[in-house]
Amino acid sequence: MTVTFLVAMAAPGQGAPTAWLQLMPFALVLGIFYFIILLPMKRRQQKVQTFLAGLKEGDKIVTSGGIYGTITRVGEQALQLQIAERVRIEVSRNAVVGYQGQEPVAPEGSGSSS
């Protein structure tokens, strides 16, 4: 006994969802991903860039390595810090995470790319 199956392409029935309705969950997930993850990350990065651009001589700062110091010279890519009397070091601008005694602006261990 031979049984033959015939499969035909037909238009979706009345109860079948449309293509747009099937894509709606994916669009919803992308929207949630954007508003919960990407947008706050973008705002935080902008805040860090503004902070780093506003550094000036005399600011008391903390580096990502935990070094406390006062800025004595501001350069394009680096800052000179006075960490003790007559002791000055050069550090990258991106190593600065915040002002002394305040909440860090940049999370430690994350370098900002310029």
N, C-alpha and C. Protein backbone atom coordinates (compact mmCIF):
# COMPACT_ATOMS: atom_id res chain seq x y z
N MET A 1 0.84 -1.15 0.00
CA MET A 1 0.00 0.00 0.00
C MET A 1 0.90 1.24 0.00
N THR A 2 0.70 2.14 -0.90
CA THR A 2 1.50 3.34 -1.06
C THR A 2 0.65 4.55 -0.70
N VAL A 3 1.21 5.37 0.18
CA VAL A 3 0.50 6.59 0.58
C VAL A 3 1.30 7.77 0.06
N THR A 4 0.66 8.65 -0.63
CA THR A 4 1.31 9.82 -1.19
C THR A 4 0.78 11.06 -0.48
N PHE A 5 1.74 11.91 -0.06
CA PHE A 5 1.35 13.16 0.60
C PHE A 5 1.53 14.30 -0.37
N LEU A 6 0.60 15.17 -0.44
CA LEU A 6 0.65 16.32 -1.32
C LEU A 6 0.61 17.57 -0.44
N VAL A 7 1.67 18.37 -0.55
CA VAL A 7 1.76 19.59 0.24
C VAL A 7 1.65 20.75 -0.73
N ALA A 8 0.75 21.63 -0.50
CA ALA A 8 0.56 22.76 -1.41
C ALA A 8 0.75 24.05 -0.64
N MET A 9 1.29 25.04 -1.32
CA MET A 9 1.45 26.37 -0.74
C MET A 9 0.12 27.08 -0.89
N ALA A 10 -0.40 27.59 0.18
CA ALA A 10 -1.67 28.29 0.12
C ALA A 10 -1.54 29.59 0.89
N ALA A 11 -2.43 30.49 0.65
CA ALA A 11 -2.46 31.75 1.39
C ALA A 11 -2.81 31.44 2.83
N PRO A 12 -2.28 32.24 3.76
CA PRO A 12 -2.58 31.98 5.16
C PRO A 12 -4.08 32.06 5.41
N GLY A 13 -4.51 31.19 6.26
CA GLY A 13 -5.93 31.15 6.58
C GLY A 13 -6.36 32.38 7.35
N GLN A 14 -7.60 32.46 7.67
CA GLN A 14 -8.12 33.62 8.37
C GLN A 14 -7.52 33.78 9.76
N GLY A 15 -7.21 32.71 10.43
CA GLY A 15 -6.69 32.77 11.79
C GLY A 15 -5.18 32.92 11.86
N ALA A 16 -4.47 32.84 10.74
CA ALA A 16 -3.00 32.92 10.74
C ALA A 16 -2.56 34.37 10.90
N PRO A 17 -1.53 34.63 11.76
CA PRO A 17 -1.06 36.01 11.97
C PRO A 17 -0.30 36.51 10.73
N THR A 18 -0.33 37.81 10.52
CA THR A 18 0.38 38.41 9.40
C THR A 18 1.87 38.49 9.71
N ALA A 19 2.66 38.80 8.70
CA ALA A 19 4.12 38.90 8.88
C ALA A 19 4.46 40.02 9.87
N TRP A 20 3.74 41.14 9.80
CA TRP A 20 4.02 42.25 10.72
C TRP A 20 3.75 41.86 12.17
N LEU A 21 2.72 41.11 12.37
CA LEU A 21 2.37 40.67 13.71
C LEU A 21 3.42 39.69 14.25
N GLN A 22 4.00 38.89 13.37
CA GLN A 22 5.04 37.94 13.78
C GLN A 22 6.35 38.66 14.12
N LEU A 23 6.61 39.80 13.48
CA LEU A 23 7.84 40.56 13.74
C LEU A 23 7.72 41.47 14.96
N MET A 24 6.53 41.68 15.44
CA MET A 24 6.30 42.58 16.57
C MET A 24 7.09 42.19 17.83
N PRO A 25 7.17 40.92 18.25
CA PRO A 25 7.97 40.59 19.44
C PRO A 25 9.45 40.93 19.28
N PHE A 26 10.00 40.76 18.09
CA PHE A 26 11.41 41.10 17.86
C PHE A 26 11.63 42.60 17.98
N ALA A 27 10.72 43.38 17.41
CA ALA A 27 10.81 44.83 17.50
C ALA A 27 10.68 45.28 18.95
N LEU A 28 9.82 44.64 19.70
CA LEU A 28 9.64 44.96 21.10
C LEU A 28 10.91 44.67 21.91
N VAL A 29 11.53 43.54 21.65
CA VAL A 29 12.78 43.19 22.34
C VAL A 29 13.88 44.18 22.00
N LEU A 30 14.00 44.56 20.74
CA LEU A 30 15.00 45.56 20.33
C LEU A 30 14.75 46.90 21.00
N GLY A 31 13.49 47.30 21.09
CA GLY A 31 13.16 48.56 21.76
C GLY A 31 13.52 48.54 23.23
N ILE A 32 13.20 47.46 23.90
CA ILE A 32 13.54 47.32 25.32
C ILE A 32 15.06 47.33 25.50
N PHE A 33 15.78 46.60 24.65
CA PHE A 33 17.25 46.57 24.71
C PHE A 33 17.82 47.97 24.56
N TYR A 34 17.29 48.75 23.63
CA TYR A 34 17.79 50.10 23.40
C TYR A 34 17.56 50.99 24.62
N PHE A 35 16.34 51.00 25.15
CA PHE A 35 16.01 51.91 26.24
C PHE A 35 16.59 51.49 27.58
N ILE A 36 16.82 50.19 27.80
CA ILE A 36 17.34 49.74 29.09
C ILE A 36 18.86 49.66 29.11
N ILE A 37 19.48 49.34 27.97
CA ILE A 37 20.92 49.14 27.96
C ILE A 37 21.68 50.22 27.18
N LEU A 38 21.34 50.42 25.94
CA LEU A 38 22.13 51.31 25.08
C LEU A 38 22.00 52.78 25.44
N LEU A 39 20.80 53.27 25.68
CA LEU A 39 20.60 54.69 25.98
C LEU A 39 21.30 55.11 27.28
N PRO A 40 21.14 54.38 28.39
CA PRO A 40 21.87 54.77 29.61
C PRO A 40 23.39 54.70 29.44
N MET A 41 23.88 53.71 28.66
CA MET A 41 25.31 53.60 28.44
C MET A 41 25.83 54.81 27.65
N LYS A 42 25.05 55.25 26.68
CA LYS A 42 25.43 56.40 25.87
C LYS A 42 25.45 57.67 26.73
N ARG A 43 24.46 57.83 27.59
CA ARG A 43 24.40 59.00 28.49
C ARG A 43 25.58 59.00 29.45
N ARG A 44 25.90 57.82 29.99
CA ARG A 44 27.03 57.72 30.92
C ARG A 44 28.34 58.07 30.24
N GLN A 45 28.53 57.59 29.02
CA GLN A 45 29.75 57.88 28.27
C GLN A 45 29.86 59.37 27.99
N GLN A 46 28.76 60.01 27.68
CA GLN A 46 28.76 61.45 27.43
C GLN A 46 29.12 62.21 28.71
N LYS A 47 28.61 61.74 29.84
CA LYS A 47 28.91 62.37 31.13
C LYS A 47 30.41 62.26 31.45
N VAL A 48 31.00 61.09 31.19
CA VAL A 48 32.42 60.88 31.44
C VAL A 48 33.25 61.79 30.53
N GLN A 49 32.88 61.89 29.25
CA GLN A 49 33.62 62.74 28.32
C GLN A 49 33.56 64.20 28.76
N THR A 50 32.40 64.66 29.22
CA THR A 50 32.26 66.03 29.71
C THR A 50 33.13 66.25 30.94
N PHE A 51 33.14 65.28 31.85
CA PHE A 51 33.97 65.37 33.05
C PHE A 51 35.45 65.47 32.69
N LEU A 52 35.92 64.59 31.80
CA LEU A 52 37.34 64.58 31.43
C LEU A 52 37.73 65.87 30.70
N ALA A 53 36.84 66.41 29.89
CA ALA A 53 37.14 67.65 29.16
C ALA A 53 37.19 68.85 30.11
N GLY A 54 36.50 68.76 31.24
CA GLY A 54 36.44 69.87 32.18
C GLY A 54 37.52 69.86 33.25
N LEU A 55 38.44 68.92 33.22
CA LEU A 55 39.51 68.88 34.22
C LEU A 55 40.43 70.09 34.05
N LYS A 56 40.83 70.68 35.19
CA LYS A 56 41.71 71.85 35.13
C LYS A 56 42.72 71.79 36.27
N GLU A 57 43.73 72.65 36.19
CA GLU A 57 44.77 72.69 37.22
C GLU A 57 44.14 73.02 38.57
N GLY A 58 44.62 72.34 39.60
CA GLY A 58 44.13 72.57 40.96
C GLY A 58 43.04 71.60 41.39
N ASP A 59 42.45 70.85 40.44
CA ASP A 59 41.43 69.87 40.80
C ASP A 59 42.06 68.71 41.57
N LYS A 60 41.40 68.29 42.62
CA LYS A 60 41.86 67.14 43.40
C LYS A 60 41.09 65.92 42.89
N ILE A 61 41.84 64.96 42.33
CA ILE A 61 41.20 63.83 41.66
C ILE A 61 41.71 62.49 42.18
N VAL A 62 41.03 61.43 41.74
CA VAL A 62 41.40 60.05 42.04
C VAL A 62 41.53 59.32 40.71
N THR A 63 42.56 58.48 40.58
CA THR A 63 42.74 57.70 39.36
C THR A 63 42.14 56.31 39.53
N SER A 64 42.05 55.59 38.42
CA SER A 64 41.51 54.23 38.47
C SER A 64 42.42 53.30 39.26
N GLY A 65 43.69 53.67 39.41
CA GLY A 65 44.62 52.87 40.20
C GLY A 65 44.58 53.21 41.69
N GLY A 66 43.74 54.19 42.07
CA GLY A 66 43.62 54.56 43.48
C GLY A 66 44.59 55.63 43.92
N ILE A 67 45.20 56.34 42.99
CA ILE A 67 46.15 57.39 43.34
C ILE A 67 45.39 58.71 43.51
N TYR A 68 45.59 59.33 44.65
CA TYR A 68 44.99 60.63 44.92
C TYR A 68 46.02 61.70 44.61
N GLY A 69 45.61 62.78 43.97
CA GLY A 69 46.54 63.85 43.66
C GLY A 69 45.83 65.10 43.20
N THR A 70 46.64 66.14 43.03
CA THR A 70 46.16 67.43 42.55
C THR A 70 46.75 67.69 41.18
N ILE A 71 45.93 68.11 40.25
CA ILE A 71 46.40 68.36 38.89
C ILE A 71 47.27 69.61 38.88
N THR A 72 48.49 69.47 38.35
CA THR A 72 49.39 70.61 38.25
C THR A 72 49.60 71.05 36.80
N ARG A 73 49.32 70.17 35.84
CA ARG A 73 49.44 70.52 34.43
C ARG A 73 48.47 69.66 33.63
N VAL A 74 47.80 70.30 32.68
CA VAL A 74 46.84 69.59 31.84
C VAL A 74 47.39 69.54 30.43
N GLY A 75 47.47 68.33 29.89
CA GLY A 75 47.91 68.15 28.51
C GLY A 75 46.78 67.58 27.66
N GLU A 76 47.07 67.38 26.40
CA GLU A 76 46.08 66.84 25.47
C GLU A 76 45.64 65.43 25.87
N GLN A 77 46.60 64.53 26.14
CA GLN A 77 46.31 63.14 26.47
C GLN A 77 46.63 62.78 27.92
N ALA A 78 47.45 63.60 28.57
CA ALA A 78 47.93 63.25 29.92
C ALA A 78 47.78 64.43 30.88
N LEU A 79 47.81 64.09 32.15
CA LEU A 79 47.77 65.09 33.22
C LEU A 79 48.98 64.88 34.11
N GLN A 80 49.47 65.97 34.70
CA GLN A 80 50.52 65.83 35.69
C GLN A 80 49.88 66.01 37.05
N LEU A 81 50.11 65.03 37.93
CA LEU A 81 49.54 65.05 39.27
C LEU A 81 50.64 65.24 40.30
N GLN A 82 50.35 66.03 41.30
CA GLN A 82 51.23 66.13 42.45
C GLN A 82 50.62 65.24 43.51
N ILE A 83 51.35 64.15 43.86
CA ILE A 83 50.81 63.18 44.81
C ILE A 83 51.42 63.34 46.20
N ALA A 84 52.52 64.07 46.28
CA ALA A 84 53.16 64.40 47.55
C ALA A 84 54.00 65.64 47.30
N GLU A 85 54.57 66.20 48.36
CA GLU A 85 55.40 67.38 48.17
C GLU A 85 56.59 67.04 47.27
N ARG A 86 56.75 67.77 46.20
CA ARG A 86 57.83 67.60 45.21
C ARG A 86 57.79 66.23 44.51
N VAL A 87 56.65 65.59 44.49
CA VAL A 87 56.49 64.31 43.77
C VAL A 87 55.35 64.48 42.76
N ARG A 88 55.73 64.43 41.48
CA ARG A 88 54.74 64.59 40.41
C ARG A 88 54.82 63.42 39.45
N ILE A 89 53.67 63.01 38.98
CA ILE A 89 53.61 61.90 38.02
C ILE A 89 52.71 62.29 36.85
N GLU A 90 52.93 61.64 35.72
CA GLU A 90 52.08 61.83 34.54
C GLU A 90 51.12 60.65 34.48
N VAL A 91 49.85 60.93 34.29
CA VAL A 91 48.84 59.88 34.12
C VAL A 91 47.98 60.21 32.91
N SER A 92 47.42 59.19 32.33
CA SER A 92 46.51 59.36 31.20
C SER A 92 45.24 60.04 31.68
N ARG A 93 44.68 60.86 30.84
CA ARG A 93 43.41 61.52 31.15
C ARG A 93 42.31 60.48 31.43
N ASN A 94 42.36 59.38 30.69
CA ASN A 94 41.34 58.34 30.84
C ASN A 94 41.47 57.57 32.15
N ALA A 95 42.57 57.75 32.88
CA ALA A 95 42.75 57.05 34.15
C ALA A 95 42.02 57.75 35.30
N VAL A 96 41.57 58.96 35.07
CA VAL A 96 40.88 59.72 36.11
C VAL A 96 39.43 59.23 36.20
N VAL A 97 39.01 58.85 37.42
CA VAL A 97 37.65 58.34 37.60
C VAL A 97 36.74 59.30 38.36
N GLY A 98 37.30 60.30 39.02
CA GLY A 98 36.43 61.24 39.73
C GLY A 98 37.22 62.19 40.60
N TYR A 99 36.47 63.06 41.25
CA TYR A 99 37.07 64.00 42.20
C TYR A 99 37.21 63.32 43.55
N GLN A 100 38.18 63.77 44.34
CA GLN A 100 38.38 63.22 45.68
C GLN A 100 37.14 63.49 46.53
N GLY A 101 36.70 62.46 47.26
CA GLY A 101 35.58 62.61 48.17
C GLY A 101 34.22 62.56 47.51
N GLN A 102 34.16 62.32 46.21
CA GLN A 102 32.88 62.22 45.53
C GLN A 102 32.75 60.86 44.87
N GLU A 103 31.52 60.53 44.49
CA GLU A 103 31.24 59.29 43.77
C GLU A 103 32.01 59.30 42.44
N PRO A 104 32.63 58.17 42.06
CA PRO A 104 33.35 58.12 40.78
C PRO A 104 32.43 58.43 39.60
N VAL A 105 32.95 59.22 38.65
CA VAL A 105 32.21 59.54 37.44
C VAL A 105 32.32 58.38 36.46
N ALA A 106 33.55 57.88 36.30
CA ALA A 106 33.80 56.75 35.40
C ALA A 106 33.94 55.49 36.24
N PRO A 107 33.26 54.40 35.89
CA PRO A 107 33.42 53.16 36.64
C PRO A 107 34.86 52.68 36.51
N GLU A 108 35.43 52.24 37.62
CA GLU A 108 36.81 51.78 37.60
C GLU A 108 36.97 50.60 36.68
N GLY A 109 38.09 50.57 35.95
CA GLY A 109 38.38 49.47 35.06
C GLY A 109 37.82 49.66 33.68
N SER A 110 37.05 50.72 33.46
CA SER A 110 36.54 50.95 32.11
C SER A 110 37.23 52.17 31.54
N GLY A 111 37.96 51.97 30.48
CA GLY A 111 38.63 53.07 29.80
C GLY A 111 37.67 53.71 28.83
N SER A 112 37.71 55.03 28.77
CA SER A 112 36.87 55.74 27.82
C SER A 112 37.66 55.91 26.54
N SER A 113 37.05 55.64 25.44
CA SER A 113 37.76 55.83 24.18
C SER A 113 37.44 57.21 23.65
N SER A 114 38.45 57.92 23.18
CA SER A 114 38.24 59.28 22.65
C SER A 114 38.15 59.26 21.18
